[in-house]
Protein backbone atom coordinates (compact mmCIF):
# COMPACT_ATOMS: atom_id res chain seq x y z
CA MET A 1 74.50 117.56 124.31
CA SER A 2 71.75 119.71 123.41
CA GLU A 3 68.57 119.96 125.74
CA THR A 4 66.41 118.29 123.07
CA VAL A 5 68.90 115.12 122.75
CA LEU A 6 68.61 114.73 126.33
CA VAL A 7 64.99 114.85 126.37
CA ALA A 8 65.02 112.94 123.37
CA MET A 9 67.12 110.44 125.14
CA ILE A 10 64.97 110.76 128.39
CA GLY A 11 61.82 110.02 126.47
CA GLY A 12 63.40 106.84 124.73
CA LEU A 13 64.75 105.55 127.81
CA ALA A 14 61.41 105.65 128.67
CA LEU A 15 59.76 103.66 125.97
CA VAL A 16 62.67 101.26 126.20
CA LEU A 17 61.61 100.45 130.57
CA ALA A 18 58.08 100.94 130.62
CA PRO A 19 57.01 97.53 128.88
CA GLY A 20 59.16 96.25 131.47
CA GLY A 21 57.58 97.75 134.84
CA ILE A 22 53.95 97.30 133.29
CA GLY A 23 55.12 93.55 132.66
CA ALA A 24 57.08 93.56 136.69
CA VAL A 25 53.13 94.83 137.72
CA LEU A 26 51.42 92.13 136.19
CA LEU A 27 53.75 89.35 137.07
CA ASN A 28 53.14 90.35 140.91
CA ARG A 29 50.04 90.36 140.03
CA LYS A 30 50.14 86.63 138.39
CA LEU A 31 52.48 86.25 141.91
CA ASN A 32 49.99 87.22 144.21
CA VAL A 33 47.18 85.23 143.07
CA ILE A 34 48.98 82.06 142.60
CA ARG A 35 50.15 82.64 146.52
CA ASP A 36 46.61 82.90 147.16
CA GLN A 37 46.08 79.71 145.88
CA VAL A 38 49.03 78.09 147.32
CA ALA A 39 49.67 79.52 150.68
CA ASN A 40 46.43 77.87 153.01
CA ASP A 41 45.22 78.23 157.15
CA HIS A 42 45.75 74.33 156.69
CA ASP A 43 47.67 73.37 159.82
CA VAL A 44 49.56 70.88 157.26
CA ASN A 45 51.74 71.69 154.81
CA LEU A 46 50.88 71.23 151.46
CA ARG A 47 53.55 69.25 150.14
CA ASP A 48 53.59 66.45 153.42
CA ASP A 49 49.35 66.75 152.47
CA LEU A 50 49.95 65.80 149.11
CA ASP A 51 52.78 62.73 149.94
CA THR A 52 50.40 61.74 152.44
CA LYS A 53 47.73 61.49 150.13
CA HIS A 54 49.63 60.22 147.36
CA THR A 55 50.90 57.32 150.25
CA GLU A 56 47.20 56.55 150.72
CA ASN A 57 45.75 56.37 146.62
CA GLY A 58 48.44 53.67 146.04
CA ASP A 59 47.71 51.86 148.61
CA LEU A 60 44.66 51.85 147.71
CA LEU A 61 45.27 51.16 143.99
CA HIS A 62 47.70 48.41 145.41
CA GLN A 63 44.15 46.78 146.81
CA LEU A 64 42.30 47.40 143.91
CA VAL A 65 44.95 45.52 141.85
CA ARG A 66 44.81 42.53 144.35
CA ASP A 67 41.01 42.33 144.33
CA VAL A 68 41.09 42.19 140.23
CA GLY A 69 43.70 39.49 140.47
CA GLY A 70 41.62 37.49 142.64
CA ILE A 71 37.99 38.38 140.43
CA LYS A 72 40.27 36.85 137.51
CA LYS A 73 41.60 34.10 139.09
CA ASP A 74 37.45 33.22 140.22
CA LEU A 75 36.81 33.98 136.25
CA ARG A 76 39.34 31.74 135.29
CA THR A 77 38.18 29.15 137.91
CA ILE A 78 34.47 29.39 136.56
CA ARG A 79 35.39 29.03 133.11
CA LYS A 80 37.20 26.27 134.04
CA LYS A 81 34.70 24.04 135.46
CA GLN A 82 32.11 25.36 132.52
CA TYR A 83 33.87 23.54 129.95
CA ARG A 84 34.06 20.46 131.98
CA HIS A 85 30.38 21.15 132.47
CA ASP A 86 29.90 21.89 128.32
CA ASN A 87 32.33 18.59 127.34
CA ARG A 88 30.22 16.53 129.97
CA LEU A 89 26.14 17.15 128.78
CA HIS A 90 27.66 17.71 125.48
CA ALA A 91 28.83 13.72 125.71
CA LEU A 92 25.53 12.59 127.32
CA GLU A 93 23.69 14.16 124.79
CA THR A 94 25.48 12.75 121.69
CA LYS A 95 25.79 9.71 123.80
CA ASP A 96 23.63 6.67 121.74
């Protein structure tokens, strides 16, 4: 092969590989940013910390559901009493 052909082949190969090299550098930078966000100086593993917080939030959610259920029950009782009082009052007002 002539020297011109080899130089052209090397130049073409460089054009093909250069974007991959640039992409690898950019990917490495992104990975370093992600690593900085995930790696921390906490004593607890990130996953364990999230699991604990998830459990705590689940417990609080269940408590809120119970509380809302109690409030709904109280409202039903109030409505029933109000209905009875309205009926009694109406009966007294229309009695003649």
